[in-house]
Amino acid sequence: MTLPNFLIVGAARSGTTALHGLLDQHPDIFMSHQKELYFLASDTPPDFQGPGDDIVNNIWIKTWDEYRSVFAEAKNEKAVGEATPYYLCARQAPRLIKRYLPDAKLIMILRDPVSRAFSSYMFMRQYGWERKASFGSALAKEQQRKQSNWQYIWRYRELGLYSEQVQRFLNLFKKEQIWIGIFDDFTEDQLSLVQNVFRFLDVNDGFEPSFAEKRNASGSPRFPSLHR
């Protein structure tokens, strides 16, 4: 039975989709074909009620057997992983990961919390789910949306509270199991950061993936000054 020995746990809107794709190119790494599995985020899959949240409800892996089956195609790869960036903010995730995958290596990419929050807002605006015309008005609704059981991405401010999120993992895992990168470093020198991840996963760090494909862009404005 093949199980993940590493996880990309966050943060959301911090390059995790791009990193998933780059790691997937490495011959010694197997990445789940579905990027976000969610299984380790909560004991009970929640029935999220926000606009567009049915997508998360539908793709959420709901049983251990189903989760294990995702990795059935892995062969002899040295590193086997998945990327669910909401594990970082999900309060139950560290405990569940410790239960199911106690020796897994954990990868975190952290981004300036303000730009991360605004990127989430723009992403939701791009897809038509965020109806608030200003970022400020959306932030004002955050607690109400959380209480109404809207999914994680709607928690624009909360997802940037890295100190308490990282600490939950440090309370349960050895420091050497955790690798933390910075989003700005990723955007400035993708190869260097990815090769650092290769070394953390103990695979050949001389491999150079293709950086041609852009993934999961957030709908940045064409004219920034006009947008401001």
Protein backbone atom coordinates (compact mmCIF):
# COMPACT_ATOMS: atom_id res chain seq x y z
CA MET A 1 0.00 0.00 0.00
CA THR A 2 1.45 3.35 -1.07
CA LEU A 3 0.72 6.38 1.10
CA PRO A 4 1.96 9.97 0.86
CA ASN A 5 5.24 10.69 2.58
CA PHE A 6 4.92 14.44 2.07
CA LEU A 7 2.18 17.05 1.89
CA ILE A 8 2.01 20.62 0.60
CA VAL A 9 -0.18 22.05 3.36
CA GLY A 10 -0.38 25.70 2.39
CA ALA A 11 -0.82 28.53 2.22
CA ALA A 12 -3.67 29.08 -0.21
CA ARG A 13 -2.98 31.53 -3.06
CA SER A 14 0.75 31.21 -2.44
CA GLY A 15 1.97 29.26 -5.45
CA THR A 16 0.94 25.79 -4.31
CA THR A 17 -0.69 24.93 -7.64
CA ALA A 18 2.48 25.86 -9.51
CA LEU A 19 4.62 23.95 -7.03
CA HIS A 20 2.38 20.88 -7.37
CA GLY A 21 2.89 20.96 -11.14
CA LEU A 22 6.64 21.42 -10.90
CA LEU A 23 7.10 18.57 -8.43
CA ASP A 24 4.91 16.35 -10.59
CA GLN A 25 7.48 16.61 -13.40
CA HIS A 26 10.23 15.01 -11.30
CA PRO A 27 10.76 11.32 -12.17
CA ASP A 28 11.23 10.43 -8.48
CA ILE A 29 8.06 12.17 -7.29
CA PHE A 30 4.44 11.05 -7.58
CA MET A 31 1.79 13.74 -7.08
CA SER A 32 -1.92 13.01 -6.81
CA HIS A 33 -3.66 13.80 -10.10
CA GLN A 34 -6.32 15.75 -8.22
CA LYS A 35 -4.52 18.59 -6.52
CA GLU A 36 -6.73 19.28 -3.52
CA LEU A 37 -7.99 16.21 -1.67
CA TYR A 38 -9.14 17.79 1.64
CA PHE A 39 -9.41 14.41 3.40
CA LEU A 40 -7.07 15.43 6.24
CA ALA A 41 -8.72 18.80 6.84
CA SER A 42 -11.59 17.60 9.02
CA ASP A 43 -13.02 14.50 10.70
CA THR A 44 -16.34 15.16 9.00
CA PRO A 45 -16.58 16.61 5.49
CA PRO A 46 -18.52 19.86 5.94
CA ASP A 47 -21.44 20.85 3.78
CA PHE A 48 -20.18 24.28 2.76
CA GLN A 49 -22.90 26.76 1.88
CA GLY A 50 -21.15 29.62 0.09
CA PRO A 51 -21.40 30.52 -3.62
CA GLY A 52 -19.48 27.93 -5.63
CA ASP A 53 -18.75 25.86 -2.52
CA ASP A 54 -20.47 22.82 -4.00
CA ILE A 55 -17.25 22.28 -5.98
CA VAL A 56 -15.30 21.69 -2.76
CA ASN A 57 -18.12 19.57 -1.33
CA ASN A 58 -17.98 17.33 -4.42
CA ILE A 59 -14.21 16.86 -4.71
CA TRP A 60 -13.61 16.33 -0.96
CA ILE A 61 -12.18 12.83 -0.41
CA LYS A 62 -14.42 11.40 2.28
CA THR A 63 -13.00 8.04 3.36
CA TRP A 64 -9.59 6.57 4.17
CA ASP A 65 -10.03 3.88 1.52
CA GLU A 66 -10.85 6.49 -1.09
CA TYR A 67 -7.84 8.56 -0.02
CA ARG A 68 -5.48 5.59 -0.27
CA SER A 69 -6.81 4.70 -3.71
CA VAL A 70 -5.66 8.08 -5.03
CA PHE A 71 -2.06 6.86 -4.71
CA ALA A 72 -2.59 3.38 -6.14
CA GLU A 73 -0.86 4.38 -9.39
CA ALA A 74 2.37 5.29 -7.61
CA LYS A 75 5.13 2.89 -8.55
CA ASN A 76 8.66 3.18 -7.23
CA GLU A 77 8.80 6.95 -6.75
CA LYS A 78 10.84 7.98 -3.73
CA ALA A 79 8.49 10.82 -2.80
CA VAL A 80 4.70 10.55 -2.91
CA GLY A 81 2.57 13.57 -2.13
CA GLU A 82 -0.49 15.71 -2.46
CA ALA A 83 -1.23 19.42 -2.10
CA THR A 84 -4.18 20.75 -0.14
CA PRO A 85 -3.28 24.32 0.86
CA TYR A 86 -6.15 24.58 3.33
CA TYR A 87 -4.55 22.03 5.65
CA LEU A 88 -2.53 24.93 7.06
CA CYS A 89 -5.58 26.81 8.31
CA ALA A 90 -7.84 23.83 9.11
CA ARG A 91 -7.71 23.37 12.88
CA GLN A 92 -8.13 19.60 12.80
CA ALA A 93 -5.57 19.00 10.04
CA PRO A 94 -2.39 18.69 12.16
CA ARG A 95 -4.05 16.10 14.41
CA LEU A 96 -5.43 14.11 11.47
CA ILE A 97 -2.14 14.18 9.58
CA LYS A 98 -0.39 12.99 12.75
CA ARG A 99 -2.90 10.14 13.02
CA TYR A 100 -2.75 8.94 9.42
CA LEU A 101 0.70 10.07 8.20
CA PRO A 102 2.84 10.69 11.30
CA ASP A 103 6.18 10.64 9.46
CA ALA A 104 5.13 12.80 6.50
CA LYS A 105 7.23 15.79 5.51
CA LEU A 106 5.26 19.03 5.42
CA ILE A 107 5.81 21.87 2.95
CA MET A 108 4.53 25.40 3.56
CA ILE A 109 4.76 28.40 1.26
CA LEU A 110 3.91 31.64 3.05
CA ARG A 111 2.93 34.88 1.32
CA ASP A 112 2.53 38.43 2.59
CA PRO A 113 -0.89 38.13 4.31
CA VAL A 114 -2.34 41.27 2.73
CA SER A 115 -1.42 40.39 -0.85
CA ARG A 116 -2.49 36.79 -0.18
CA ALA A 117 -5.89 37.95 1.06
CA PHE A 118 -6.38 40.29 -1.89
CA SER A 119 -5.37 37.53 -4.31
CA SER A 120 -8.10 35.30 -2.84
CA TYR A 121 -10.60 38.14 -3.20
CA MET A 122 -9.61 38.73 -6.84
CA PHE A 123 -9.78 35.00 -7.56
CA MET A 124 -13.33 34.82 -6.25
CA ARG A 125 -14.27 37.99 -8.14
CA GLN A 126 -12.83 36.52 -11.33
CA TYR A 127 -15.13 33.51 -11.08
CA GLY A 128 -18.17 35.60 -10.17
CA TRP A 129 -18.66 34.13 -6.69
CA GLU A 130 -17.56 37.21 -4.77
CA ARG A 131 -20.30 39.83 -5.20
CA LYS A 132 -18.82 42.54 -3.00
CA ALA A 133 -17.40 45.25 -5.24
CA SER A 134 -14.70 46.33 -2.76
CA PHE A 135 -12.16 44.32 -0.80
CA GLY A 136 -13.08 46.20 2.38
CA SER A 137 -16.75 45.30 2.15
CA ALA A 138 -15.80 41.65 1.62
CA LEU A 139 -13.57 41.69 4.70
CA ALA A 140 -16.43 43.12 6.74
CA LYS A 141 -18.50 40.03 5.89
CA GLU A 142 -15.83 37.47 6.82
CA GLN A 143 -17.12 36.46 10.26
CA GLN A 144 -20.71 36.27 9.04
CA ARG A 145 -19.64 34.05 6.14
CA LYS A 146 -17.65 31.80 8.46
CA GLN A 147 -20.64 31.40 10.77
CA SER A 148 -22.78 30.55 7.73
CA ASN A 149 -20.32 27.75 6.88
CA TRP A 150 -18.73 29.18 3.75
CA GLN A 151 -15.52 27.34 2.80
CA TYR A 152 -11.98 28.27 3.76
CA ILE A 153 -11.09 30.55 0.85
CA TRP A 154 -13.70 33.08 1.97
CA ARG A 155 -11.70 33.68 5.17
CA TYR A 156 -9.51 36.29 3.54
CA ARG A 157 -8.01 37.65 6.77
CA GLU A 158 -7.99 34.46 8.84
CA LEU A 159 -5.97 32.50 6.28
CA GLY A 160 -3.08 34.93 6.78
CA LEU A 161 -2.73 34.33 10.53
CA TYR A 162 0.31 32.13 9.97
CA SER A 163 1.78 32.24 13.48
CA GLU A 164 -0.98 30.24 15.14
CA GLN A 165 -1.40 27.99 12.09
CA VAL A 166 2.28 27.02 11.90
CA GLN A 167 2.41 26.60 15.67
CA ARG A 168 -0.32 23.96 15.55
CA PHE A 169 1.97 21.88 13.34
CA LEU A 170 5.06 22.57 15.45
CA ASN A 171 3.17 21.28 18.48
CA LEU A 172 2.80 17.85 16.86
CA PHE A 173 5.66 17.42 14.38
CA LYS A 174 9.43 17.60 14.57
CA LYS A 175 10.95 20.75 13.10
CA GLU A 176 12.94 18.69 10.62
CA GLN A 177 9.65 17.42 9.15
CA ILE A 178 8.61 20.95 8.19
CA TRP A 179 9.99 23.08 5.33
CA ILE A 180 8.86 26.69 4.98
CA GLY A 181 9.38 28.74 1.83
CA ILE A 182 8.46 32.33 0.99
CA PHE A 183 6.22 33.16 -1.97
CA ASP A 184 8.35 36.16 -3.02
CA ASP A 185 11.39 33.88 -3.27
CA PHE A 186 9.33 31.51 -5.41
CA THR A 187 8.30 34.24 -7.84
CA GLU A 188 11.84 35.64 -8.07
CA ASP A 189 13.71 32.35 -8.52
CA GLN A 190 11.43 29.37 -9.03
CA LEU A 191 14.24 26.97 -9.83
CA SER A 192 16.15 27.70 -6.64
CA LEU A 193 13.10 27.22 -4.43
CA VAL A 194 12.00 24.05 -6.21
CA GLN A 195 15.49 22.58 -5.92
CA ASN A 196 15.41 23.34 -2.19
CA VAL A 197 12.18 21.36 -2.01
CA PHE A 198 13.82 18.52 -3.96
CA ARG A 199 16.61 18.42 -1.36
CA PHE A 200 14.07 18.43 1.47
CA LEU A 201 12.33 15.45 -0.16
CA ASP A 202 15.69 13.73 -0.69
CA VAL A 203 15.34 13.40 -4.46
CA ASN A 204 17.75 14.46 -7.21
CA ASP A 205 18.01 18.25 -6.93
CA GLY A 206 19.78 18.50 -10.27
CA PHE A 207 16.53 17.92 -12.14
CA GLU A 208 15.19 21.08 -13.81
CA PRO A 209 11.43 21.10 -14.49
CA SER A 210 9.82 23.17 -17.22
CA PHE A 211 8.48 26.53 -16.04
CA ALA A 212 6.60 27.28 -19.26
CA GLU A 213 3.09 26.64 -17.97
CA LYS A 214 1.38 29.28 -15.82
CA ARG A 215 -1.16 27.85 -13.38
CA ASN A 216 -4.04 29.29 -11.38
CA ALA A 217 -3.49 33.01 -11.99
CA SER A 218 -5.65 35.33 -9.93
CA GLY A 219 -7.02 37.72 -12.53
CA SER A 220 -4.60 40.59 -11.97
CA PRO A 221 -5.72 43.97 -13.35
CA ARG A 222 -4.27 45.01 -16.71
CA PHE A 223 -3.86 48.64 -15.58
CA PRO A 224 -2.80 48.63 -11.91
CA SER A 225 -2.97 52.43 -11.44
CA LEU A 226 -6.52 52.57 -12.80
CA HIS A 227 -7.47 49.57 -10.67
CA ARG A 228 -6.16 51.27 -7.51
